[in-house]
PDB file of N, CA and C in Angstrom:
ATOM      1  N   MET A   1      76.813  90.389 105.856  1.00  0.00           N
ATOM      2  CA  MET A   1      77.552  91.624 105.623  1.00  0.00           C
ATOM      3  C   MET A   1      79.055  91.332 105.649  1.00  0.00           C
ATOM      4  N   ASN A   2      79.775  91.909 104.727  1.00  0.00           N
ATOM      5  CA  ASN A   2      81.216  91.695 104.640  1.00  0.00           C
ATOM      6  C   ASN A   2      81.957  92.530 105.669  1.00  0.00           C
ATOM      7  N   THR A   3      83.038  91.965 106.173  1.00  0.00           N
ATOM      8  CA  THR A   3      83.930  92.734 107.034  1.00  0.00           C
ATOM      9  C   THR A   3      84.752  93.668 106.135  1.00  0.00           C
ATOM     10  N   PRO A   4      85.389  94.679 106.709  1.00  0.00           N
ATOM     11  CA  PRO A   4      86.234  95.544 105.884  1.00  0.00           C
ATOM     12  C   PRO A   4      87.322  94.759 105.138  1.00  0.00           C
ATOM     13  N   GLU A   5      87.923  93.781 105.792  1.00  0.00           N
ATOM     14  CA  GLU A   5      88.971  93.010 105.117  1.00  0.00           C
ATOM     15  C   GLU A   5      88.406  92.173 103.969  1.00  0.00           C
ATOM     16  N   GLN A   6      87.212  91.628 104.135  1.00  0.00           N
ATOM     17  CA  GLN A   6      86.573  90.894 103.046  1.00  0.00           C
ATOM     18  C   GLN A   6      86.248  91.829 101.879  1.00  0.00           C
ATOM     19  N   GLN A   7      85.832  93.029 102.192  1.00  0.00           N
ATOM     20  CA  GLN A   7      85.546  94.006 101.148  1.00  0.00           C
ATOM     21  C   GLN A   7      86.828  94.355 100.381  1.00  0.00           C
ATOM     22  N   PHE A   8      87.915  94.557 101.105  1.00  0.00           N
ATOM     23  CA  PHE A   8      89.205  94.796 100.455  1.00  0.00           C
ATOM     24  C   PHE A   8      89.553  93.634  99.528  1.00  0.00           C
ATOM     25  N   SER A   9      89.422  92.415 100.025  1.00  0.00           N
ATOM     26  CA  SER A   9      89.764  91.229  99.230  1.00  0.00           C
ATOM     27  C   SER A   9      88.920  91.134  97.965  1.00  0.00           C
ATOM     28  N   ALA A  10      87.644  91.491  98.060  1.00  0.00           N
ATOM     29  CA  ALA A  10      86.763  91.463  96.889  1.00  0.00           C
ATOM     30  C   ALA A  10      87.217  92.493  95.848  1.00  0.00           C
ATOM     31  N   ILE A  11      87.608  93.668  96.295  1.00  0.00           N
ATOM     32  CA  ILE A  11      88.099  94.706  95.380  1.00  0.00           C
ATOM     33  C   ILE A  11      89.383  94.232  94.709  1.00  0.00           C
ATOM     34  N   ALA A  12      90.294  93.671  95.488  1.00  0.00           N
ATOM     35  CA  ALA A  12      91.558  93.177  94.934  1.00  0.00           C
ATOM     36  C   ALA A  12      91.308  92.085  93.901  1.00  0.00           C
ATOM     37  N   ALA A  13      90.410  91.168  94.200  1.00  0.00           N
ATOM     38  CA  ALA A  13      90.099  90.080  93.265  1.00  0.00           C
ATOM     39  C   ALA A  13      89.468  90.610  91.985  1.00  0.00           C
ATOM     40  N   GLN A  14      88.580  91.572  92.115  1.00  0.00           N
ATOM     41  CA  GLN A  14      87.914  92.157  90.947  1.00  0.00           C
ATOM     42  C   GLN A  14      88.929  92.822  90.023  1.00  0.00           C
ATOM     43  N   LEU A  15      89.795  93.638  90.579  1.00  0.00           N
ATOM     44  CA  LEU A  15      90.788  94.331  89.764  1.00  0.00           C
ATOM     45  C   LEU A  15      91.782  93.354  89.135  1.00  0.00           C
ATOM     46  N   ALA A  16      92.197  92.341  89.882  1.00  0.00           N
ATOM     47  CA  ALA A  16      93.128  91.346  89.345  1.00  0.00           C
ATOM     48  C   ALA A  16      92.492  90.568  88.200  1.00  0.00           C
ATOM     49  N   ALA A  17      91.186  90.350  88.276  1.00  0.00           N
ATOM     50  CA  ALA A  17      90.484  89.653  87.202  1.00  0.00           C
ATOM     51  C   ALA A  17      90.388  90.514  85.942  1.00  0.00           C
ATOM     52  N   GLU A  18      90.437  91.809  86.103  1.00  0.00           N
ATOM     53  CA  GLU A  18      90.320  92.734  84.974  1.00  0.00           C
ATOM     54  C   GLU A  18      91.632  92.947  84.228  1.00  0.00           C
ATOM     55  N   SER A  19      92.757  92.735  84.891  1.00  0.00           N
ATOM     56  CA  SER A  19      94.051  93.013  84.263  1.00  0.00           C
ATOM     57  C   SER A  19      95.143  92.131  84.862  1.00  0.00           C
ATOM     58  N   GLN A  20      95.978  91.582  84.005  1.00  0.00           N
ATOM     59  CA  GLN A  20      97.112  90.781  84.470  1.00  0.00           C
ATOM     60  C   GLN A  20      98.189  91.648  85.105  1.00  0.00           C
ATOM     61  N   GLU A  21      98.137  92.941  84.878  1.00  0.00           N
ATOM     62  CA  GLU A  21      99.123  93.851  85.459  1.00  0.00           C
ATOM     63  C   GLU A  21      98.816  94.174  86.921  1.00  0.00           C
ATOM     64  N   ILE A  22      97.654  93.751  87.389  1.00  0.00           N
ATOM     65  CA  ILE A  22      97.257  94.000  88.774  1.00  0.00           C
ATOM     66  C   ILE A  22      97.385  92.704  89.551  1.00  0.00           C
ATOM     67  N   THR A  23      98.143  92.766  90.630  1.00  0.00           N
ATOM     68  CA  THR A  23      98.377  91.602  91.467  1.00  0.00           C
ATOM     69  C   THR A  23      98.230  92.004  92.935  1.00  0.00           C
ATOM     70  N   THR A  24      98.273  91.007  93.780  1.00  0.00           N
ATOM     71  CA  THR A  24      98.263  91.293  95.213  1.00  0.00           C
ATOM     72  C   THR A  24      99.695  91.222  95.725  1.00  0.00           C
ATOM     73  N   ALA A  25      99.944  91.913  96.805  1.00  0.00           N
ATOM     74  CA  ALA A  25     101.276  91.968  97.396  1.00  0.00           C
ATOM     75  C   ALA A  25     101.141  92.430  98.836  1.00  0.00           C
ATOM     76  N   LYS A  26     102.227  92.450  99.536  1.00  0.00           N
ATOM     77  CA  LYS A  26     102.241  92.967 100.905  1.00  0.00           C
ATOM     78  C   LYS A  26     102.809  94.377 100.917  1.00  0.00           C
ATOM     79  N   MET A  27     102.227  95.189 101.771  1.00  0.00           N
ATOM     80  CA  MET A  27     102.752  96.536 102.034  1.00  0.00           C
ATOM     81  C   MET A  27     102.712  96.701 103.543  1.00  0.00           C
ATOM     82  N   MET A  28     103.859  96.886 104.143  1.00  0.00           N
ATOM     83  CA  MET A  28     103.945  97.011 105.599  1.00  0.00           C
ATOM     84  C   MET A  28     103.267  95.824 106.279  1.00  0.00           C
ATOM     85  N   SER A  29     103.516  94.635 105.785  1.00  0.00           N
ATOM     86  CA  SER A  29     102.976  93.370 106.295  1.00  0.00           C
ATOM     87  C   SER A  29     101.463  93.258 106.168  1.00  0.00           C
ATOM     88  N   SER A  30     100.864  94.104 105.372  1.00  0.00           N
ATOM     89  CA  SER A  30      99.412  94.097 105.162  1.00  0.00           C
ATOM     90  C   SER A  30      99.115  93.715 103.715  1.00  0.00           C
ATOM     91  N   PRO A  31      97.936  93.146 103.465  1.00  0.00           N
ATOM     92  CA  PRO A  31      97.592  92.787 102.090  1.00  0.00           C
ATOM     93  C   PRO A  31      97.409  94.029 101.234  1.00  0.00           C
ATOM     94  N   GLY A  32      97.969  93.981 100.030  1.00  0.00           N
ATOM     95  CA  GLY A  32      97.915  95.142  99.160  1.00  0.00           C
ATOM     96  C   GLY A  32      97.569  94.791  97.727  1.00  0.00           C
ATOM     97  N   ILE A  33      97.360  95.826  96.940  1.00  0.00           N
ATOM     98  CA  ILE A  33      97.072  95.722  95.516  1.00  0.00           C
ATOM     99  C   ILE A  33      98.167  96.489  94.794  1.00  0.00           C
ATOM    100  N   ARG A  34      98.755  95.855  93.782  1.00  0.00           N
ATOM    101  CA  ARG A  34      99.799  96.556  93.060  1.00  0.00           C
ATOM    102  C   ARG A  34      99.550  96.511  91.557  1.00  0.00           C
ATOM    103  N   TYR A  35     100.074  97.507  90.906  1.00  0.00           N
ATOM    104  CA  TYR A  35     100.024  97.640  89.458  1.00  0.00           C
ATOM    105  C   TYR A  35     101.461  97.744  88.979  1.00  0.00           C
ATOM    106  N   ARG A  36     101.862  96.826  88.119  1.00  0.00           N
ATOM    107  CA  ARG A  36     103.240  96.787  87.624  1.00  0.00           C
ATOM    108  C   ARG A  36     104.247  96.873  88.765  1.00  0.00           C
ATOM    109  N   ASN A  37     104.033  96.087  89.783  1.00  0.00           N
ATOM    110  CA  ASN A  37     104.921  95.995  90.946  1.00  0.00           C
ATOM    111  C   ASN A  37     104.978  97.247  91.811  1.00  0.00           C
ATOM    112  N   LYS A  38     104.043  98.165  91.631  1.00  0.00           N
ATOM    113  CA  LYS A  38     103.950  99.359  92.478  1.00  0.00           C
ATOM    114  C   LYS A  38     102.647  99.270  93.270  1.00  0.00           C
ATOM    115  N   VAL A  39     102.736  99.338  94.569  1.00  0.00           N
ATOM    116  CA  VAL A  39     101.536  99.251  95.407  1.00  0.00           C
ATOM    117  C   VAL A  39     100.702 100.515  95.232  1.00  0.00           C
ATOM    118  N   ILE A  40      99.402 100.308  95.005  1.00  0.00           N
ATOM    119  CA  ILE A  40      98.486 101.450  94.844  1.00  0.00           C
ATOM    120  C   ILE A  40      97.519 101.568  96.019  1.00  0.00           C
ATOM    121  N   ALA A  41      97.305 100.451  96.725  1.00  0.00           N
ATOM    122  CA  ALA A  41      96.375 100.455  97.867  1.00  0.00           C
ATOM    123  C   ALA A  41      96.675  99.256  98.744  1.00  0.00           C
ATOM    124  N   PHE A  42      96.344  99.379 100.027  1.00  0.00           N
ATOM    125  CA  PHE A  42      96.478  98.235 100.919  1.00  0.00           C
ATOM    126  C   PHE A  42      95.540  98.370 102.110  1.00  0.00           C
ATOM    127  N   PHE A  43      95.280  97.233 102.743  1.00  0.00           N
ATOM    128  CA  PHE A  43      94.390  97.176 103.893  1.00  0.00           C
ATOM    129  C   PHE A  43      95.241  97.337 105.142  1.00  0.00           C
ATOM    130  N   TYR A  44      94.836  98.250 106.045  1.00  0.00           N
ATOM    131  CA  TYR A  44      95.679  98.592 107.191  1.00  0.00           C
ATOM    132  C   TYR A  44      94.791  99.042 108.350  1.00  0.00           C
ATOM    133  N   HIS A  45      94.811  98.300 109.438  1.00  0.00           N
ATOM    134  CA  HIS A  45      94.047  98.657 110.645  1.00  0.00           C
ATOM    135  C   HIS A  45      92.560  98.919 110.357  1.00  0.00           C
ATOM    136  N   ASP A  46      91.899  98.003 109.686  1.00  0.00           N
ATOM    137  CA  ASP A  46      90.472  98.119 109.333  1.00  0.00           C
ATOM    138  C   ASP A  46      90.149  99.334 108.473  1.00  0.00           C
ATOM    139  N   ALA A  47      91.138  99.816 107.756  1.00  0.00           N
ATOM    140  CA  ALA A  47      90.953 100.916 106.803  1.00  0.00           C
ATOM    141  C   ALA A  47      91.664 100.519 105.522  1.00  0.00           C
ATOM    142  N   MET A  48      91.436 101.290 104.477  1.00  0.00           N
ATOM    143  CA  MET A  48      92.222 101.112 103.263  1.00  0.00           C
ATOM    144  C   MET A  48      93.070 102.348 103.072  1.00  0.00           C
ATOM    145  N   VAL A  49      94.275 102.117 102.566  1.00  0.00           N
ATOM    146  CA  VAL A  49      95.218 103.197 102.314  1.00  0.00           C
ATOM    147  C   VAL A  49      95.466 103.238 100.812  1.00  0.00           C
ATOM    148  N   PHE A  50      95.385 104.423 100.243  1.00  0.00           N
ATOM    149  CA  PHE A  50      95.484 104.611  98.797  1.00  0.00           C
ATOM    150  C   PHE A  50      96.589 105.595  98.472  1.00  0.00           C
ATOM    151  N   LYS A  51      97.363 105.287  97.434  1.00  0.00           N
ATOM    152  CA  LYS A  51      98.355 106.242  96.958  1.00  0.00           C
ATOM    153  C   LYS A  51      97.654 107.144  95.944  1.00  0.00           C
ATOM    154  N   LEU A  52      97.236 108.305  96.411  1.00  0.00           N
ATOM    155  CA  LEU A  52      96.459 109.228  95.582  1.00  0.00           C
ATOM    156  C   LEU A  52      97.237 110.482  95.210  1.00  0.00           C
ATOM    157  N   GLY A  53      98.379 110.686  95.822  1.00  0.00           N
ATOM    158  CA  GLY A  53      99.209 111.839  95.489  1.00  0.00           C
ATOM    159  C   GLY A  53      98.913 113.054  96.347  1.00  0.00           C
ATOM    160  N   ARG A  54      99.845 113.954  96.368  1.00  0.00           N
ATOM    161  CA  ARG A  54      99.748 115.143  97.222  1.00  0.00           C
ATOM    162  C   ARG A  54      98.659 116.108  96.785  1.00  0.00           C
ATOM    163  N   ALA A  55      98.314 116.086  95.509  1.00  0.00           N
ATOM    164  CA  ALA A  55      97.299 117.017  95.009  1.00  0.00           C
ATOM    165  C   ALA A  55      95.877 116.562  95.329  1.00  0.00           C
ATOM    166  N   PHE A  56      95.705 115.333  95.804  1.00  0.00           N
ATOM    167  CA  PHE A  56      94.368 114.826  96.102  1.00  0.00           C
ATOM    168  C   PHE A  56      93.769 115.598  97.271  1.00  0.00           C
ATOM    169  N   ASP A  57      92.545 116.059  97.109  1.00  0.00           N
ATOM    170  CA  ASP A  57      91.834 116.799  98.147  1.00  0.00           C
ATOM    171  C   ASP A  57      90.667 115.946  98.629  1.00  0.00           C
ATOM    172  N   ALA A  58      90.866 115.265  99.733  1.00  0.00           N
ATOM    173  CA  ALA A  58      89.862 114.340 100.254  1.00  0.00           C
ATOM    174  C   ALA A  58      88.552 115.050 100.592  1.00  0.00           C
ATOM    175  N   GLU A  59      88.628 116.228 101.156  1.00  0.00           N
ATOM    176  CA  GLU A  59      87.424 116.978 101.519  1.00  0.00           C
ATOM    177  C   GLU A  59      86.597 117.314 100.269  1.00  0.00           C
ATOM    178  N   GLN A  60      87.268 117.740  99.228  1.00  0.00           N
ATOM    179  CA  GLN A  60      86.580 118.065  97.980  1.00  0.00           C
ATOM    180  C   GLN A  60      85.951 116.814  97.369  1.00  0.00           C
ATOM    181  N   PHE A  61      86.533 115.667  97.656  1.00  0.00           N
ATOM    182  CA  PHE A  61      86.033 114.393  97.156  1.00  0.00           C
ATOM    183  C   PHE A  61      84.900 113.863  98.034  1.00  0.00           C
ATOM    184  N   GLY A  62      84.558 114.594  99.082  1.00  0.00           N
ATOM    185  CA  GLY A  62      83.463 114.200  99.965  1.00  0.00           C
ATOM    186  C   GLY A  62      83.861 113.238 101.074  1.00  0.00           C
ATOM    187  N   LEU A  63      85.149 113.148 101.351  1.00  0.00           N
ATOM    188  CA  LEU A  63      85.644 112.248 102.399  1.00  0.00           C
ATOM    189  C   LEU A  63      86.005 113.076 103.628  1.00  0.00           C
ATOM    190  N   HIS A  64      85.356 112.780 104.724  1.00  0.00           N
ATOM    191  CA  HIS A  64      85.575 113.570 105.936  1.00  0.00           C
ATOM    192  C   HIS A  64      86.313 112.799 107.021  1.00  0.00           C
ATOM    193  N   GLU A  65      86.320 111.479 106.927  1.00  0.00           N
ATOM    194  CA  GLU A  65      87.042 110.669 107.906  1.00  0.00           C
ATOM    195  C   GLU A  65      88.215 110.014 107.206  1.00  0.00           C
ATOM    196  N   TYR A  66      89.342 110.680 107.247  1.00  0.00           N
ATOM    197  CA  TYR A  66      90.564 110.184 106.621  1.00  0.00           C
ATOM    198  C   TYR A  66      91.740 110.770 107.379  1.00  0.00           C
ATOM    199  N   GLN A  67      92.894 110.231 107.090  1.00  0.00           N
ATOM    200  CA  GLN A  67      94.132 110.819 107.596  1.00  0.00           C
ATOM    201  C   GLN A  67      95.254 110.418 106.654  1.00  0.00           C
ATOM    202  N   LEU A  68      96.315 111.174 106.678  1.00  0.00           N
ATOM    203  CA  LEU A  68      97.499 110.775 105.941  1.00  0.00           C
ATOM    204  C   LEU A  68      98.141 109.616 106.677  1.00  0.00           C
ATOM    205  N   LEU A  69      98.673 108.673 105.924  1.00  0.00           N
ATOM    206  CA  LEU A  69      99.317 107.514 106.529  1.00  0.00           C
ATOM    207  C   LEU A  69     100.516 107.975 107.341  1.00  0.00           C
ATOM    208  N   SER A  70     100.549 107.543 108.580  1.00  0.00           N
ATOM    209  CA  SER A  70     101.638 107.922 109.476  1.00  0.00           C
ATOM    210  C   SER A  70     102.100 106.685 110.256  1.00  0.00           C
ATOM    211  N   PRO A  71     102.843 105.786 109.598  1.00  0.00           N
ATOM    212  CA  PRO A  71     103.220 104.541 110.253  1.00  0.00           C
ATOM    213  C   PRO A  71     104.435 104.641 111.173  1.00  0.00           C
ATOM    214  N   TYR A  72     105.138 105.755 111.138  1.00  0.00           N
ATOM    215  CA  TYR A  72     106.369 105.894 111.911  1.00  0.00           C
ATOM    216  C   TYR A  72     106.185 106.898 113.043  1.00  0.00           C
ATOM    217  N   LYS A  73     106.703 106.563 114.193  1.00  0.00           N
ATOM    218  CA  LYS A  73     106.544 107.434 115.358  1.00  0.00           C
ATOM    219  C   LYS A  73     107.381 108.706 115.267  1.00  0.00           C
ATOM    220  N   THR A  74     108.519 108.625 114.622  1.00  0.00           N
ATOM    221  CA  THR A  74     109.428 109.765 114.613  1.00  0.00           C
ATOM    222  C   THR A  74     109.532 110.460 113.258  1.00  0.00           C
ATOM    223  N   LYS A  75     108.736 110.042 112.292  1.00  0.00           N
ATOM    224  CA  LYS A  75     108.774 110.658 110.966  1.00  0.00           C
ATOM    225  C   LYS A  75     107.423 111.279 110.648  1.00  0.00           C
ATOM    226  N   PRO A  76     107.392 112.273 109.777  1.00  0.00           N
ATOM    227  CA  PRO A  76     106.113 112.895 109.411  1.00  0.00           C
ATOM    228  C   PRO A  76     105.264 111.936 108.568  1.00  0.00           C
ATOM    229  N   PRO A  77     103.973 112.240 108.426  1.00  0.00           N
ATOM    230  CA  PRO A  77     103.092 111.401 107.607  1.00  0.00           C
ATOM    231  C   PRO A  77     103.548 111.341 106.151  1.00  0.00           C
ATOM    232  N   LEU A  78     103.156 110.278 105.488  1.00  0.00           N
ATOM    233  CA  LEU A  78     103.448 110.100 104.070  1.00  0.00           C
ATOM    234  C   LEU A  78     102.369 110.834 103.282  1.00  0.00           C
ATOM    235  N   ARG A  79     102.706 111.938 102.672  1.00  0.00           N
ATOM    236  CA  ARG A  79     101.721 112.852 102.095  1.00  0.00           C
ATOM    237  C   ARG A  79     101.016 112.333 100.847  1.00  0.00           C
ATOM    238  N   ASP A  80     101.543 111.314 100.214  1.00  0.00           N
ATOM    239  CA  ASP A  80     100.890 110.755  99.028  1.00  0.00           C
ATOM    240  C   ASP A  80      99.869 109.678  99.368  1.00  0.00           C
ATOM    241  N   TRP A  81      99.880 109.206 100.599  1.00  0.00           N
ATOM    242  CA  TRP A  81      99.067 108.063 101.007  1.00  0.00           C
ATOM    243  C   TRP A  81      97.943 108.496 101.950  1.00  0.00           C
ATOM    244  N   PHE A  82      96.700 108.174 101.562  1.00  0.00           N
ATOM    245  CA  PHE A  82      95.522 108.549 102.340  1.00  0.00           C
ATOM    246  C   PHE A  82      94.892 107.314 102.958  1.00  0.00           C
ATOM    247  N   GLU A  83      94.723 107.351 104.269  1.00  0.00           N
ATOM    248  CA  GLU A  83      94.081 106.266 104.998  1.00  0.00           C
ATOM    249  C   GLU A  83      92.594 106.612 105.149  1.00  0.00           C
ATOM    250  N   ILE A  84      91.760 105.790 104.534  1.00  0.00           N
ATOM    251  CA  ILE A  84      90.315 106.041 104.510  1.00  0.00           C
ATOM    252  C   ILE A  84      89.633 104.980 105.368  1.00  0.00           C
ATOM    253  N   SER A  85      88.921 105.427 106.377  1.00  0.00           N
ATOM    254  CA  SER A  85      88.303 104.509 107.333  1.00  0.00           C
ATOM    255  C   SER A  85      87.183 103.694 106.699  1.00  0.00           C
ATOM    256  N   ALA A  86      86.782 102.664 107.401  1.00  0.00           N
ATOM    257  CA  ALA A  86      85.689 101.797 106.942  1.00  0.00           C
ATOM    258  C   ALA A  86      84.365 102.550 106.866  1.00  0.00           C
ATOM    259  N   THR A  87      84.281 103.707 107.505  1.00  0.00           N
ATOM    260  CA  THR A  87      83.086 104.543 107.386  1.00  0.00           C
ATOM    261  C   THR A  87      82.791 104.860 105.925  1.00  0.00           C
ATOM    262  N   HIS A  88      83.841 104.988 105.143  1.00  0.00           N
ATOM    263  CA  HIS A  88      83.716 105.289 103.711  1.00  0.00           C
ATOM    264  C   HIS A  88      83.995 104.064 102.850  1.00  0.00           C
ATOM    265  N   SER A  89      83.759 102.868 103.370  1.00  0.00           N
ATOM    266  CA  SER A  89      84.076 101.650 102.611  1.00  0.00           C
ATOM    267  C   SER A  89      83.279 101.547 101.314  1.00  0.00           C
ATOM    268  N   ASP A  90      82.150 102.236 101.237  1.00  0.00           N
ATOM    269  CA  ASP A  90      81.388 102.243  99.986  1.00  0.00           C
ATOM    270  C   ASP A  90      82.137 102.977  98.878  1.00  0.00           C
ATOM    271  N   ARG A  91      83.175 103.713  99.211  1.00  0.00           N
ATOM    272  CA  ARG A  91      83.968 104.465  98.233  1.00  0.00           C
ATOM    273  C   ARG A  91      85.307 103.790  97.932  1.00  0.00           C
ATOM    274  N   TRP A  92      85.609 102.698  98.637  1.00  0.00           N
ATOM    275  CA  TRP A  92      86.917 102.079  98.493  1.00  0.00           C
ATOM    276  C   TRP A  92      87.223 101.634  97.065  1.00  0.00           C
ATOM    277  N   GLU A  93      86.260 101.019  96.391  1.00  0.00           N
ATOM    278  CA  GLU A  93      86.544 100.573  95.020  1.00  0.00           C
ATOM    279  C   GLU A  93      86.825 101.772  94.121  1.00  0.00           C
ATOM    280  N   GLU A  94      86.026 102.795  94.247  1.00  0.00           N
ATOM    281  CA  GLU A  94      86.216 104.016  93.454  1.00  0.00           C
ATOM    282  C   GLU A  94      87.606 104.614  93.707  1.00  0.00           C
ATOM    283  N   LEU A  95      88.024 104.653  94.961  1.00  0.00           N
ATOM    284  CA  LEU A  95      89.330 105.214  95.306  1.00  0.00           C
ATOM    285  C   LEU A  95      90.467 104.324  94.820  1.00  0.00           C
ATOM    286  N   THR A  96      90.258 103.013  94.850  1.00  0.00           N
ATOM    287  CA  THR A  96      91.271 102.094  94.318  1.00  0.00           C
ATOM    288  C   THR A  96      91.446 102.327  92.826  1.00  0.00           C
ATOM    289  N   ARG A  97      90.345 102.496  92.126  1.00  0.00           N
ATOM    290  CA  ARG A  97      90.420 102.747  90.682  1.00  0.00           C
ATOM    291  C   ARG A  97      91.071 104.102  90.391  1.00  0.00           C
ATOM    292  N   LEU A  98      90.821 105.085  91.238  1.00  0.00           N
ATOM    293  CA  LEU A  98      91.473 106.390  91.076  1.00  0.00           C
ATOM    294  C   LEU A  98      92.979 106.258  91.307  1.00  0.00           C
ATOM    295  N   ALA A  99      93.368 105.515  92.338  1.00  0.00           N
ATOM    296  CA  ALA A  99      94.793 105.285  92.596  1.00  0.00           C
ATOM    297  C   ALA A  99      95.431 104.537  91.424  1.00  0.00           C
ATOM    298  N   LEU A 100      94.724 103.583  90.864  1.00  0.00           N
ATOM    299  CA  LEU A 100      95.210 102.848  89.700  1.00  0.00           C
ATOM    300  C   LEU A 100      95.399 103.786  88.512  1.00  0.00           C
ATOM    301  N   GLN A 101      94.422 104.619  88.262  1.00  0.00           N
ATOM    302  CA  GLN A 101      94.507 105.582  87.163  1.00  0.00           C
ATOM    303  C   GLN A 101      95.716 106.499  87.333  1.00  0.00           C
ATOM    304  N   ARG A 102      95.921 106.988  88.536  1.00  0.00           N
ATOM    305  CA  ARG A 102      97.045 107.898  88.788  1.00  0.00           C
ATOM    306  C   ARG A 102      98.386 107.187  88.623  1.00  0.00           C
ATOM    307  N   MET A 103      98.454 105.904  89.035  1.00  0.00           N
ATOM    308  CA  MET A 103      99.693 105.153  88.864  1.00  0.00           C
ATOM    309  C   MET A 103      99.951 104.879  87.389  1.00  0.00           C
ATOM    310  N   ARG A 104      98.897 104.576  86.631  1.00  0.00           N
ATOM    311  CA  ARG A 104      99.071 104.361  85.191  1.00  0.00           C
ATOM    312  C   ARG A 104      99.637 105.625  84.532  1.00  0.00           C
ATOM    313  N   GLU A 105      99.103 106.777  84.933  1.00  0.00           N
ATOM    314  CA  GLU A 105      99.588 108.049  84.382  1.00  0.00           C
ATOM    315  C   GLU A 105     101.039 108.292  84.775  1.00  0.00           C
ATOM    316  N   GLU A 106     101.371 107.972  86.010  1.00  0.00           N
ATOM    317  CA  GLU A 106     102.733 108.188  86.508  1.00  0.00           C
ATOM    318  C   GLU A 106     103.735 107.298  85.765  1.00  0.00           C
ATOM    319  N   LEU A 107     103.340 106.087  85.431  1.00  0.00           N
ATOM    320  CA  LEU A 107     104.249 105.136  84.789  1.00  0.00           C
ATOM    321  C   LEU A 107     104.254 105.237  83.267  1.00  0.00           C
ATOM    322  N   SER A 108     103.373 106.029  82.703  1.00  0.00           N
ATOM    323  CA  SER A 108     103.340 106.113  81.229  1.00  0.00           C
ATOM    324  C   SER A 108     104.285 107.161  80.678  1.00  0.00           C
TER     325      SER A 108
END
């Protein structure tokens, strides 16, 4: 069985193999996936964090264990970034592809 970090690495490798515009990078000292130099997802504290935008409704998407990324003690959470626990790791690839789609739309 793969660890959450191994699962993240497999998703990153798969997407990078599909497009030269997708590379790996660091985000907050954690391994990440980027599209055209913009990070779309990264591995953080045994979870994956996805840039899905403020309009994303995790509950409607069937995700019940999530939180907005809140890396700073004195600042509010980052409303575009959703931290999805390993409980939903079976959805990580789907969410990475959704984040990729949204970034492609944003950059077009």
